[in-house]
């Protein structure tokens, strides 16, 4: 049976997409999925928190499975992965909460008035 770490390596090599890019893409996809499954809007902290929980669990797993030359390098890579995963969902959450008009098609808005 293939393990979680081996599955991630397979996806990286089979897709040709770097692990960093996969963190961005999969993280945003999971954020959207969490919003739908939890039936909460993107402005809610719940989908964002669910993604953070999943990402922290993923990095904790990686910390136990991967062996890097130094712990500092491994921790730095984990921190980068968390930042890459959470960056786009954090931006969308912030815009949805504090500037929701940016997400509305303004041309469509003008036609309705």
PDB file of N, CA and C in Angstrom:
ATOM      1  N   UNK A   1       0.838  -1.179   0.000  1.00  0.00           N
ATOM      2  CA  UNK A   1       0.000   0.000   0.000  1.00  0.00           C
ATOM      3  C   UNK A   1       0.887   1.249   0.000  1.00  0.00           C
ATOM      4  N   UNK A   2       0.529   2.212  -0.826  1.00  0.00           N
ATOM      5  CA  UNK A   2       1.304   3.438  -0.931  1.00  0.00           C
ATOM      6  C   UNK A   2       0.980   4.365   0.242  1.00  0.00           C
ATOM      7  N   UNK A   3       2.009   4.926   0.839  1.00  0.00           N
ATOM      8  CA  UNK A   3       1.812   5.835   1.955  1.00  0.00           C
ATOM      9  C   UNK A   3       1.541   7.250   1.483  1.00  0.00           C
ATOM     10  N   UNK A   4       1.165   8.101   2.427  1.00  0.00           N
ATOM     11  CA  UNK A   4       0.833   9.486   2.110  1.00  0.00           C
ATOM     12  C   UNK A   4       2.019  10.199   1.455  1.00  0.00           C
ATOM     13  N   UNK A   5       3.205  10.030   2.027  1.00  0.00           N
ATOM     14  CA  UNK A   5       4.387  10.702   1.489  1.00  0.00           C
ATOM     15  C   UNK A   5       4.694  10.206   0.076  1.00  0.00           C
ATOM     16  N   UNK A   6       4.614   8.904  -0.145  1.00  0.00           N
ATOM     17  CA  UNK A   6       4.866   8.349  -1.471  1.00  0.00           C
ATOM     18  C   UNK A   6       3.815   8.833  -2.480  1.00  0.00           C
ATOM     19  N   UNK A   7       2.573   8.972  -2.029  1.00  0.00           N
ATOM     20  CA  UNK A   7       1.512   9.484  -2.898  1.00  0.00           C
ATOM     21  C   UNK A   7       1.822  10.922  -3.327  1.00  0.00           C
ATOM     22  N   UNK A   8       2.288  11.748  -2.393  1.00  0.00           N
ATOM     23  CA  UNK A   8       2.634  13.126  -2.732  1.00  0.00           C
ATOM     24  C   UNK A   8       3.785  13.168  -3.734  1.00  0.00           C
ATOM     25  N   UNK A   9       4.790  12.331  -3.539  1.00  0.00           N
ATOM     26  CA  UNK A   9       5.902  12.276  -4.490  1.00  0.00           C
ATOM     27  C   UNK A   9       5.434  11.806  -5.865  1.00  0.00           C
ATOM     28  N   UNK A  10       4.550  10.823  -5.884  1.00  0.00           N
ATOM     29  CA  UNK A  10       4.007  10.334  -7.154  1.00  0.00           C
ATOM     30  C   UNK A  10       3.283  11.455  -7.897  1.00  0.00           C
ATOM     31  N   UNK A  11       2.426  12.190  -7.189  1.00  0.00           N
ATOM     32  CA  UNK A  11       1.672  13.273  -7.821  1.00  0.00           C
ATOM     33  C   UNK A  11       2.631  14.335  -8.357  1.00  0.00           C
ATOM     34  N   UNK A  12       3.651  14.673  -7.587  1.00  0.00           N
ATOM     35  CA  UNK A  12       4.622  15.676  -8.038  1.00  0.00           C
ATOM     36  C   UNK A  12       5.306  15.226  -9.325  1.00  0.00           C
ATOM     37  N   UNK A  13       5.779  14.010  -9.365  1.00  0.00           N
ATOM     38  CA  UNK A  13       6.517  13.527 -10.533  1.00  0.00           C
ATOM     39  C   UNK A  13       5.601  13.224 -11.711  1.00  0.00           C
ATOM     40  N   UNK A  14       4.426  12.699 -11.457  1.00  0.00           N
ATOM     41  CA  UNK A  14       3.502  12.370 -12.551  1.00  0.00           C
ATOM     42  C   UNK A  14       2.927  13.631 -13.199  1.00  0.00           C
ATOM     43  N   UNK A  15       2.720  14.675 -12.399  1.00  0.00           N
ATOM     44  CA  UNK A  15       2.116  15.896 -12.935  1.00  0.00           C
ATOM     45  C   UNK A  15       3.154  16.840 -13.531  1.00  0.00           C
ATOM     46  N   UNK A  16       4.391  16.725 -13.088  1.00  0.00           N
ATOM     47  CA  UNK A  16       5.419  17.656 -13.536  1.00  0.00           C
ATOM     48  C   UNK A  16       5.316  19.008 -12.846  1.00  0.00           C
ATOM     49  N   UNK A  17       4.471  19.107 -11.833  1.00  0.00           N
ATOM     50  CA  UNK A  17       4.284  20.355 -11.082  1.00  0.00           C
ATOM     51  C   UNK A  17       5.122  20.271  -9.810  1.00  0.00           C
ATOM     52  N   UNK A  18       5.863  21.320  -9.516  1.00  0.00           N
ATOM     53  CA  UNK A  18       6.716  21.314  -8.331  1.00  0.00           C
ATOM     54  C   UNK A  18       5.875  21.179  -7.056  1.00  0.00           C
ATOM     55  N   UNK A  19       6.510  20.695  -6.014  1.00  0.00           N
ATOM     56  CA  UNK A  19       5.815  20.534  -4.736  1.00  0.00           C
ATOM     57  C   UNK A  19       5.344  21.887  -4.205  1.00  0.00           C
ATOM     58  N   UNK A  20       6.133  22.933  -4.429  1.00  0.00           N
ATOM     59  CA  UNK A  20       5.717  24.266  -3.977  1.00  0.00           C
ATOM     60  C   UNK A  20       4.440  24.712  -4.688  1.00  0.00           C
ATOM     61  N   UNK A  21       4.402  24.529  -5.990  1.00  0.00           N
ATOM     62  CA  UNK A  21       3.198  24.901  -6.747  1.00  0.00           C
ATOM     63  C   UNK A  21       2.012  24.040  -6.330  1.00  0.00           C
ATOM     64  N   UNK A  22       2.256  22.771  -6.047  1.00  0.00           N
ATOM     65  CA  UNK A  22       1.171  21.895  -5.591  1.00  0.00           C
ATOM     66  C   UNK A  22       0.596  22.383  -4.261  1.00  0.00           C
ATOM     67  N   UNK A  23       1.453  22.910  -3.387  1.00  0.00           N
ATOM     68  CA  UNK A  23       0.955  23.445  -2.117  1.00  0.00           C
ATOM     69  C   UNK A  23      -0.024  24.590  -2.376  1.00  0.00           C
ATOM     70  N   UNK A  24       0.309  25.464  -3.329  1.00  0.00           N
ATOM     71  CA  UNK A  24      -0.569  26.594  -3.651  1.00  0.00           C
ATOM     72  C   UNK A  24      -1.875  26.086  -4.259  1.00  0.00           C
ATOM     73  N   UNK A  25      -1.767  25.222  -5.263  1.00  0.00           N
ATOM     74  CA  UNK A  25      -2.955  24.753  -5.983  1.00  0.00           C
ATOM     75  C   UNK A  25      -3.861  23.881  -5.119  1.00  0.00           C
ATOM     76  N   UNK A  26      -3.285  22.900  -4.463  1.00  0.00           N
ATOM     77  CA  UNK A  26      -4.086  21.989  -3.635  1.00  0.00           C
ATOM     78  C   UNK A  26      -4.639  22.730  -2.420  1.00  0.00           C
ATOM     79  N   UNK A  27      -3.839  23.611  -1.851  1.00  0.00           N
ATOM     80  CA  UNK A  27      -4.315  24.391  -0.702  1.00  0.00           C
ATOM     81  C   UNK A  27      -5.545  25.210  -1.042  1.00  0.00           C
ATOM     82  N   UNK A  28      -5.506  25.891  -2.199  1.00  0.00           N
ATOM     83  CA  UNK A  28      -6.664  26.697  -2.579  1.00  0.00           C
ATOM     84  C   UNK A  28      -7.864  25.810  -2.897  1.00  0.00           C
ATOM     85  N   UNK A  29      -7.624  24.693  -3.568  1.00  0.00           N
ATOM     86  CA  UNK A  29      -8.708  23.758  -3.854  1.00  0.00           C
ATOM     87  C   UNK A  29      -9.350  23.217  -2.586  1.00  0.00           C
ATOM     88  N   UNK A  30      -8.527  22.878  -1.603  1.00  0.00           N
ATOM     89  CA  UNK A  30      -9.063  22.379  -0.329  1.00  0.00           C
ATOM     90  C   UNK A  30      -9.819  23.475   0.429  1.00  0.00           C
ATOM     91  N   UNK A  31      -9.358  24.707   0.314  1.00  0.00           N
ATOM     92  CA  UNK A  31     -10.062  25.839   0.930  1.00  0.00           C
ATOM     93  C   UNK A  31     -11.468  25.971   0.339  1.00  0.00           C
ATOM     94  N   UNK A  32     -11.560  25.909  -0.983  1.00  0.00           N
ATOM     95  CA  UNK A  32     -12.869  25.978  -1.637  1.00  0.00           C
ATOM     96  C   UNK A  32     -13.740  24.779  -1.265  1.00  0.00           C
ATOM     97  N   UNK A  33     -13.144  23.592  -1.242  1.00  0.00           N
ATOM     98  CA  UNK A  33     -13.883  22.381  -0.875  1.00  0.00           C
ATOM     99  C   UNK A  33     -14.385  22.462   0.569  1.00  0.00           C
ATOM    100  N   UNK A  34     -13.524  22.942   1.473  1.00  0.00           N
ATOM    101  CA  UNK A  34     -13.930  23.079   2.879  1.00  0.00           C
ATOM    102  C   UNK A  34     -15.094  24.049   3.009  1.00  0.00           C
ATOM    103  N   UNK A  35     -15.053  25.130   2.231  1.00  0.00           N
ATOM    104  CA  UNK A  35     -16.156  26.093   2.256  1.00  0.00           C
ATOM    105  C   UNK A  35     -17.466  25.422   1.851  1.00  0.00           C
ATOM    106  N   UNK A  36     -17.414  24.602   0.814  1.00  0.00           N
ATOM    107  CA  UNK A  36     -18.628  23.913   0.340  1.00  0.00           C
ATOM    108  C   UNK A  36     -19.094  22.857   1.347  1.00  0.00           C
ATOM    109  N   UNK A  37     -18.155  22.024   1.817  1.00  0.00           N
ATOM    110  CA  UNK A  37     -18.524  20.939   2.731  1.00  0.00           C
ATOM    111  C   UNK A  37     -19.044  21.464   4.073  1.00  0.00           C
ATOM    112  N   UNK A  38     -18.435  22.541   4.552  1.00  0.00           N
ATOM    113  CA  UNK A  38     -18.851  23.119   5.830  1.00  0.00           C
ATOM    114  C   UNK A  38     -20.024  24.086   5.669  1.00  0.00           C
ATOM    115  N   UNK A  39     -20.415  24.314   4.425  1.00  0.00           N
ATOM    116  CA  UNK A  39     -21.518  25.216   4.094  1.00  0.00           C
ATOM    117  C   UNK A  39     -21.314  26.592   4.731  1.00  0.00           C
ATOM    118  N   UNK A  40     -20.104  27.094   4.527  1.00  0.00           N
ATOM    119  CA  UNK A  40     -19.743  28.415   5.040  1.00  0.00           C
ATOM    120  C   UNK A  40     -19.188  29.247   3.890  1.00  0.00           C
ATOM    121  N   UNK A  41     -19.434  30.544   3.893  1.00  0.00           N
ATOM    122  CA  UNK A  41     -18.887  31.400   2.831  1.00  0.00           C
ATOM    123  C   UNK A  41     -17.369  31.544   2.973  1.00  0.00           C
ATOM    124  N   UNK A  42     -16.738  32.020   1.915  1.00  0.00           N
ATOM    125  CA  UNK A  42     -15.288  32.205   1.930  1.00  0.00           C
ATOM    126  C   UNK A  42     -14.853  33.258   2.943  1.00  0.00           C
ATOM    127  N   UNK A  43     -15.759  34.098   3.388  1.00  0.00           N
ATOM    128  CA  UNK A  43     -15.420  35.110   4.399  1.00  0.00           C
ATOM    129  C   UNK A  43     -15.393  34.529   5.813  1.00  0.00           C
ATOM    130  N   UNK A  44     -15.849  33.294   5.964  1.00  0.00           N
ATOM    131  CA  UNK A  44     -15.847  32.631   7.265  1.00  0.00           C
ATOM    132  C   UNK A  44     -14.448  32.097   7.584  1.00  0.00           C
ATOM    133  N   UNK A  45     -14.075  32.186   8.851  1.00  0.00           N
ATOM    134  CA  UNK A  45     -12.781  31.647   9.259  1.00  0.00           C
ATOM    135  C   UNK A  45     -12.781  30.120   9.339  1.00  0.00           C
ATOM    136  N   UNK A  46     -13.936  29.489   9.315  1.00  0.00           N
ATOM    137  CA  UNK A  46     -14.002  28.038   9.469  1.00  0.00           C
ATOM    138  C   UNK A  46     -13.320  27.277   8.324  1.00  0.00           C
ATOM    139  N   UNK A  47     -13.604  27.554   7.055  1.00  0.00           N
ATOM    140  CA  UNK A  47     -12.884  26.848   5.985  1.00  0.00           C
ATOM    141  C   UNK A  47     -11.377  27.113   6.025  1.00  0.00           C
ATOM    142  N   UNK A  48     -10.994  28.347   6.322  1.00  0.00           N
ATOM    143  CA  UNK A  48      -9.577  28.708   6.429  1.00  0.00           C
ATOM    144  C   UNK A  48      -8.920  27.925   7.563  1.00  0.00           C
ATOM    145  N   UNK A  49      -9.611  27.840   8.703  1.00  0.00           N
ATOM    146  CA  UNK A  49      -9.083  27.099   9.853  1.00  0.00           C
ATOM    147  C   UNK A  49      -8.977  25.606   9.565  1.00  0.00           C
ATOM    148  N   UNK A  50      -9.954  25.069   8.839  1.00  0.00           N
ATOM    149  CA  UNK A  50      -9.907  23.649   8.466  1.00  0.00           C
ATOM    150  C   UNK A  50      -8.700  23.381   7.584  1.00  0.00           C
ATOM    151  N   UNK A  51      -8.443  24.266   6.633  1.00  0.00           N
ATOM    152  CA  UNK A  51      -7.260  24.102   5.777  1.00  0.00           C
ATOM    153  C   UNK A  51      -5.981  24.204   6.597  1.00  0.00           C
ATOM    154  N   UNK A  52      -5.913  25.154   7.503  1.00  0.00           N
ATOM    155  CA  UNK A  52      -4.724  25.289   8.352  1.00  0.00           C
ATOM    156  C   UNK A  52      -4.488  24.020   9.164  1.00  0.00           C
ATOM    157  N   UNK A  53      -5.549  23.453   9.707  1.00  0.00           N
ATOM    158  CA  UNK A  53      -5.431  22.212  10.476  1.00  0.00           C
ATOM    159  C   UNK A  53      -4.867  21.083   9.603  1.00  0.00           C
ATOM    160  N   UNK A  54      -5.412  20.933   8.399  1.00  0.00           N
ATOM    161  CA  UNK A  54      -4.949  19.887   7.481  1.00  0.00           C
ATOM    162  C   UNK A  54      -3.486  20.121   7.103  1.00  0.00           C
ATOM    163  N   UNK A  55      -3.123  21.354   6.826  1.00  0.00           N
ATOM    164  CA  UNK A  55      -1.745  21.661   6.440  1.00  0.00           C
ATOM    165  C   UNK A  55      -0.778  21.431   7.591  1.00  0.00           C
ATOM    166  N   UNK A  56      -1.155  21.807   8.797  1.00  0.00           N
ATOM    167  CA  UNK A  56      -0.290  21.556   9.948  1.00  0.00           C
ATOM    168  C   UNK A  56      -0.115  20.058  10.190  1.00  0.00           C
ATOM    169  N   UNK A  57      -1.182  19.295  10.010  1.00  0.00           N
ATOM    170  CA  UNK A  57      -1.084  17.830  10.139  1.00  0.00           C
ATOM    171  C   UNK A  57      -0.167  17.263   9.062  1.00  0.00           C
ATOM    172  N   UNK A  58      -0.279  17.773   7.847  1.00  0.00           N
ATOM    173  CA  UNK A  58       0.575  17.330   6.752  1.00  0.00           C
ATOM    174  C   UNK A  58       2.048  17.621   7.059  1.00  0.00           C
ATOM    175  N   UNK A  59       2.330  18.810   7.557  1.00  0.00           N
ATOM    176  CA  UNK A  59       3.717  19.169   7.873  1.00  0.00           C
ATOM    177  C   UNK A  59       4.242  18.388   9.070  1.00  0.00           C
ATOM    178  N   UNK A  60       3.399  18.104  10.048  1.00  0.00           N
ATOM    179  CA  UNK A  60       3.820  17.269  11.182  1.00  0.00           C
ATOM    180  C   UNK A  60       4.166  15.862  10.693  1.00  0.00           C
ATOM    181  N   UNK A  61       3.356  15.339   9.769  1.00  0.00           N
ATOM    182  CA  UNK A  61       3.637  14.025   9.184  1.00  0.00           C
ATOM    183  C   UNK A  61       4.978  14.060   8.444  1.00  0.00           C
ATOM    184  N   UNK A  62       5.166  15.090   7.615  1.00  0.00           N
ATOM    185  CA  UNK A  62       6.425  15.217   6.871  1.00  0.00           C
ATOM    186  C   UNK A  62       7.622  15.284   7.809  1.00  0.00           C
ATOM    187  N   UNK A  63       7.464  15.981   8.909  1.00  0.00           N
ATOM    188  CA  UNK A  63       8.547  16.110   9.881  1.00  0.00           C
ATOM    189  C   UNK A  63       8.961  14.749  10.429  1.00  0.00           C
ATOM    190  N   UNK A  64       7.998  13.861  10.590  1.00  0.00           N
ATOM    191  CA  UNK A  64       8.308  12.523  11.092  1.00  0.00           C
ATOM    192  C   UNK A  64       8.825  11.570  10.036  1.00  0.00           C
ATOM    193  N   UNK A  65       8.513  11.808   8.772  1.00  0.00           N
ATOM    194  CA  UNK A  65       8.873  10.876   7.700  1.00  0.00           C
ATOM    195  C   UNK A  65      10.142  11.288   6.970  1.00  0.00           C
ATOM    196  N   UNK A  66      10.249  12.565   6.651  1.00  0.00           N
ATOM    197  CA  UNK A  66      11.407  13.041   5.884  1.00  0.00           C
ATOM    198  C   UNK A  66      12.626  13.184   6.779  1.00  0.00           C
ATOM    199  N   UNK A  67      13.802  13.005   6.165  1.00  0.00           N
ATOM    200  CA  UNK A  67      15.060  13.208   6.882  1.00  0.00           C
ATOM    201  C   UNK A  67      15.910  14.190   6.089  1.00  0.00           C
ATOM    202  N   UNK A  68      16.086  15.383   6.620  1.00  0.00           N
ATOM    203  CA  UNK A  68      16.877  16.417   5.971  1.00  0.00           C
ATOM    204  C   UNK A  68      18.251  16.475   6.642  1.00  0.00           C
ATOM    205  N   UNK A  69      19.229  17.076   5.965  1.00  0.00           N
ATOM    206  CA  UNK A  69      20.575  17.148   6.567  1.00  0.00           C
ATOM    207  C   UNK A  69      20.586  17.869   7.915  1.00  0.00           C
ATOM    208  N   UNK A  70      19.760  18.943   8.037  1.00  0.00           N
ATOM    209  CA  UNK A  70      19.684  19.648   9.319  1.00  0.00           C
ATOM    210  C   UNK A  70      18.215  19.891   9.670  1.00  0.00           C
ATOM    211  N   UNK A  71      17.941  19.908  10.949  1.00  0.00           N
ATOM    212  CA  UNK A  71      16.581  20.168  11.418  1.00  0.00           C
ATOM    213  C   UNK A  71      16.131  21.577  11.025  1.00  0.00           C
ATOM    214  N   UNK A  72      17.055  22.545  11.077  1.00  0.00           N
ATOM    215  CA  UNK A  72      16.706  23.919  10.720  1.00  0.00           C
ATOM    216  C   UNK A  72      16.232  24.006   9.272  1.00  0.00           C
ATOM    217  N   UNK A  73      16.901  23.301   8.369  1.00  0.00           N
ATOM    218  CA  UNK A  73      16.511  23.297   6.960  1.00  0.00           C
ATOM    219  C   UNK A  73      15.138  22.667   6.798  1.00  0.00           C
ATOM    220  N   UNK A  74      14.909  21.575   7.492  1.00  0.00           N
ATOM    221  CA  UNK A  74      13.626  20.890   7.400  1.00  0.00           C
ATOM    222  C   UNK A  74      12.504  21.755   7.965  1.00  0.00           C
ATOM    223  N   UNK A  75      12.737  22.399   9.083  1.00  0.00           N
ATOM    224  CA  UNK A  75      11.717  23.273   9.667  1.00  0.00           C
ATOM    225  C   UNK A  75      11.447  24.478   8.771  1.00  0.00           C
ATOM    226  N   UNK A  76      12.507  25.011   8.169  1.00  0.00           N
ATOM    227  CA  UNK A  76      12.334  26.127   7.237  1.00  0.00           C
ATOM    228  C   UNK A  76      11.501  25.733   6.027  1.00  0.00           C
ATOM    229  N   UNK A  77      11.739  24.545   5.498  1.00  0.00           N
ATOM    230  CA  UNK A  77      10.961  24.050   4.362  1.00  0.00           C
ATOM    231  C   UNK A  77       9.499  23.854   4.769  1.00  0.00           C
ATOM    232  N   UNK A  78       9.270  23.348   5.965  1.00  0.00           N
ATOM    233  CA  UNK A  78       7.900  23.177   6.462  1.00  0.00           C
ATOM    234  C   UNK A  78       7.189  24.510   6.617  1.00  0.00           C
ATOM    235  N   UNK A  79       7.898  25.509   7.145  1.00  0.00           N
ATOM    236  CA  UNK A  79       7.307  26.841   7.298  1.00  0.00           C
ATOM    237  C   UNK A  79       6.958  27.428   5.932  1.00  0.00           C
ATOM    238  N   UNK A  80       7.846  27.237   4.954  1.00  0.00           N
ATOM    239  CA  UNK A  80       7.572  27.718   3.594  1.00  0.00           C
ATOM    240  C   UNK A  80       6.333  27.033   3.029  1.00  0.00           C
ATOM    241  N   UNK A  81       6.214  25.724   3.250  1.00  0.00           N
ATOM    242  CA  UNK A  81       5.046  24.988   2.758  1.00  0.00           C
ATOM    243  C   UNK A  81       3.749  25.523   3.367  1.00  0.00           C
ATOM    244  N   UNK A  82       3.782  25.835   4.651  1.00  0.00           N
ATOM    245  CA  UNK A  82       2.593  26.382   5.320  1.00  0.00           C
ATOM    246  C   UNK A  82       2.238  27.747   4.718  1.00  0.00           C
ATOM    247  N   UNK A  83       3.237  28.589   4.526  1.00  0.00           N
ATOM    248  CA  UNK A  83       2.992  29.917   3.938  1.00  0.00           C
ATOM    249  C   UNK A  83       2.440  29.804   2.520  1.00  0.00           C
ATOM    250  N   UNK A  84       3.019  28.918   1.709  1.00  0.00           N
ATOM    251  CA  UNK A  84       2.537  28.753   0.336  1.00  0.00           C
ATOM    252  C   UNK A  84       1.100  28.230   0.311  1.00  0.00           C
ATOM    253  N   UNK A  85       0.798  27.297   1.197  1.00  0.00           N
ATOM    254  CA  UNK A  85      -0.544  26.708   1.237  1.00  0.00           C
ATOM    255  C   UNK A  85      -1.589  27.723   1.683  1.00  0.00           C
ATOM    256  N   UNK A  86      -1.240  28.561   2.621  1.00  0.00           N
ATOM    257  CA  UNK A  86      -2.219  29.458   3.231  1.00  0.00           C
ATOM    258  C   UNK A  86      -2.279  30.832   2.578  1.00  0.00           C
ATOM    259  N   UNK A  87      -1.333  31.191   1.713  1.00  0.00           N
ATOM    260  CA  UNK A  87      -1.270  32.549   1.163  1.00  0.00           C
ATOM    261  C   UNK A  87      -2.522  32.928   0.371  1.00  0.00           C
ATOM    262  N   UNK A  88      -2.871  32.160  -0.626  1.00  0.00           N
ATOM    263  CA  UNK A  88      -4.022  32.498  -1.466  1.00  0.00           C
ATOM    264  C   UNK A  88      -5.345  32.414  -0.688  1.00  0.00           C
ATOM    265  N   UNK A  89      -5.574  31.358   0.098  1.00  0.00           N
ATOM    266  CA  UNK A  89      -6.797  31.353   0.913  1.00  0.00           C
ATOM    267  C   UNK A  89      -6.866  32.537   1.883  1.00  0.00           C
ATOM    268  N   UNK A  90      -5.732  32.947   2.424  1.00  0.00           N
ATOM    269  CA  UNK A  90      -5.717  34.103   3.337  1.00  0.00           C
ATOM    270  C   UNK A  90      -6.090  35.373   2.601  1.00  0.00           C
ATOM    271  N   UNK A  91      -5.574  35.537   1.394  1.00  0.00           N
ATOM    272  CA  UNK A  91      -5.905  36.709   0.586  1.00  0.00           C
ATOM    273  C   UNK A  91      -7.393  36.738   0.241  1.00  0.00           C
ATOM    274  N   UNK A  92      -7.928  35.610  -0.181  1.00  0.00           N
ATOM    275  CA  UNK A  92      -9.354  35.541  -0.533  1.00  0.00           C
ATOM    276  C   UNK A  92     -10.222  35.782   0.703  1.00  0.00           C
ATOM    277  N   UNK A  93      -9.855  35.198   1.820  1.00  0.00           N
ATOM    278  CA  UNK A  93     -10.588  35.417   3.070  1.00  0.00           C
ATOM    279  C   UNK A  93     -10.598  36.901   3.429  1.00  0.00           C
ATOM    280  N   UNK A  94      -9.443  37.543   3.357  1.00  0.00           N
ATOM    281  CA  UNK A  94      -9.359  38.961   3.704  1.00  0.00           C
ATOM    282  C   UNK A  94     -10.211  39.811   2.760  1.00  0.00           C
ATOM    283  N   UNK A  95     -10.121  39.551   1.472  1.00  0.00           N
ATOM    284  CA  UNK A  95     -10.919  40.320   0.511  1.00  0.00           C
ATOM    285  C   UNK A  95     -12.409  40.072   0.734  1.00  0.00           C
ATOM    286  N   UNK A  96     -12.783  38.813   0.935  1.00  0.00           N
ATOM    287  CA  UNK A  96     -14.198  38.481   1.130  1.00  0.00           C
ATOM    288  C   UNK A  96     -14.754  39.119   2.401  1.00  0.00           C
ATOM    289  N   UNK A  97     -13.922  39.259   3.419  1.00  0.00           N
ATOM    290  CA  UNK A  97     -14.385  39.853   4.680  1.00  0.00           C
ATOM    291  C   UNK A  97     -14.400  41.374   4.634  1.00  0.00           C
ATOM    292  N   UNK A  98     -13.326  41.976   4.094  1.00  0.00           N
ATOM    293  CA  UNK A  98     -13.157  43.415   4.247  1.00  0.00           C
ATOM    294  C   UNK A  98     -13.313  44.228   2.953  1.00  0.00           C
ATOM    295  N   UNK A  99     -13.312  43.559   1.821  1.00  0.00           N
ATOM    296  CA  UNK A  99     -13.539  44.245   0.542  1.00  0.00           C
ATOM    297  C   UNK A  99     -14.372  43.359  -0.387  1.00  0.00           C
ATOM    298  N   UNK A 100     -15.555  42.944   0.052  1.00  0.00           N
ATOM    299  CA  UNK A 100     -16.352  42.007  -0.756  1.00  0.00           C
ATOM    300  C   UNK A 100     -16.737  42.559  -2.124  1.00  0.00           C
ATOM    301  N   UNK A 101     -16.810  43.867  -2.257  1.00  0.00           N
ATOM    302  CA  UNK A 101     -17.166  44.450  -3.559  1.00  0.00           C
ATOM    303  C   UNK A 101     -16.132  44.108  -4.624  1.00  0.00           C
ATOM    304  N   UNK A 102     -14.901  43.829  -4.221  1.00  0.00           N
ATOM    305  CA  UNK A 102     -13.861  43.455  -5.186  1.00  0.00           C
ATOM    306  C   UNK A 102     -14.175  42.124  -5.867  1.00  0.00           C
ATOM    307  N   UNK A 103     -15.001  41.315  -5.243  1.00  0.00           N
ATOM    308  CA  UNK A 103     -15.323  39.990  -5.782  1.00  0.00           C
ATOM    309  C   UNK A 103     -16.581  39.999  -6.640  1.00  0.00           C
ATOM    310  N   UNK A 104     -17.226  41.139  -6.733  1.00  0.00           N
ATOM    311  CA  UNK A 104     -18.475  41.246  -7.486  1.00  0.00           C
ATOM    312  C   UNK A 104     -18.167  41.850  -8.845  1.00  0.00           C
ATOM    313  N   UNK A 105     -18.775  41.310  -9.860  1.00  0.00           N
ATOM    314  CA  UNK A 105     -18.612  41.831 -11.212  1.00  0.00           C
ATOM    315  C   UNK A 105     -19.263  43.208 -11.289  1.00  0.00           C
ATOM    316  N   UNK A 106     -18.446  44.238 -11.341  1.00  0.00           N
ATOM    317  CA  UNK A 106     -18.970  45.606 -11.310  1.00  0.00           C
ATOM    318  C   UNK A 106     -19.715  45.950 -12.599  1.00  0.00           C
ATOM    319  N   UNK A 107     -19.337  45.372 -13.716  1.00  0.00           N
ATOM    320  CA  UNK A 107     -20.071  45.619 -14.962  1.00  0.00           C
ATOM    321  C   UNK A 107     -21.495  45.072 -14.829  1.00  0.00           C
ATOM    322  N   UNK A 108     -21.632  43.943 -14.222  1.00  0.00           N
ATOM    323  CA  UNK A 108     -22.948  43.330 -13.981  1.00  0.00           C
ATOM    324  C   UNK A 108     -23.738  44.212 -13.023  1.00  0.00           C
ATOM    325  N   UNK A 109     -23.050  44.774 -12.030  1.00  0.00           N
ATOM    326  CA  UNK A 109     -23.687  45.669 -11.069  1.00  0.00           C
ATOM    327  C   UNK A 109     -24.277  46.906 -11.747  1.00  0.00           C
ATOM    328  N   UNK A 110     -23.534  47.510 -12.686  1.00  0.00           N
ATOM    329  CA  UNK A 110     -23.995  48.732 -13.365  1.00  0.00           C
ATOM    330  C   UNK A 110     -25.232  48.462 -14.209  1.00  0.00           C
ATOM    331  N   UNK A 111     -25.312  47.281 -14.811  1.00  0.00           N
ATOM    332  CA  UNK A 111     -26.469  46.957 -15.649  1.00  0.00           C
ATOM    333  C   UNK A 111     -27.740  46.815 -14.822  1.00  0.00           C
ATOM    334  N   UNK A 112     -27.623  46.445 -13.557  1.00  0.00           N
ATOM    335  CA  UNK A 112     -28.787  46.245 -12.720  1.00  0.00           C
ATOM    336  C   UNK A 112     -29.344  47.546 -12.188  1.00  0.00           C
ATOM    337  N   UNK A 113     -28.595  48.643 -12.258  1.00  0.00           N
ATOM    338  CA  UNK A 113     -29.059  49.910 -11.709  1.00  0.00           C
ATOM    339  C   UNK A 113     -29.751  50.736 -12.724  1.00  0.00           C
TER     340      UNK A 113
END
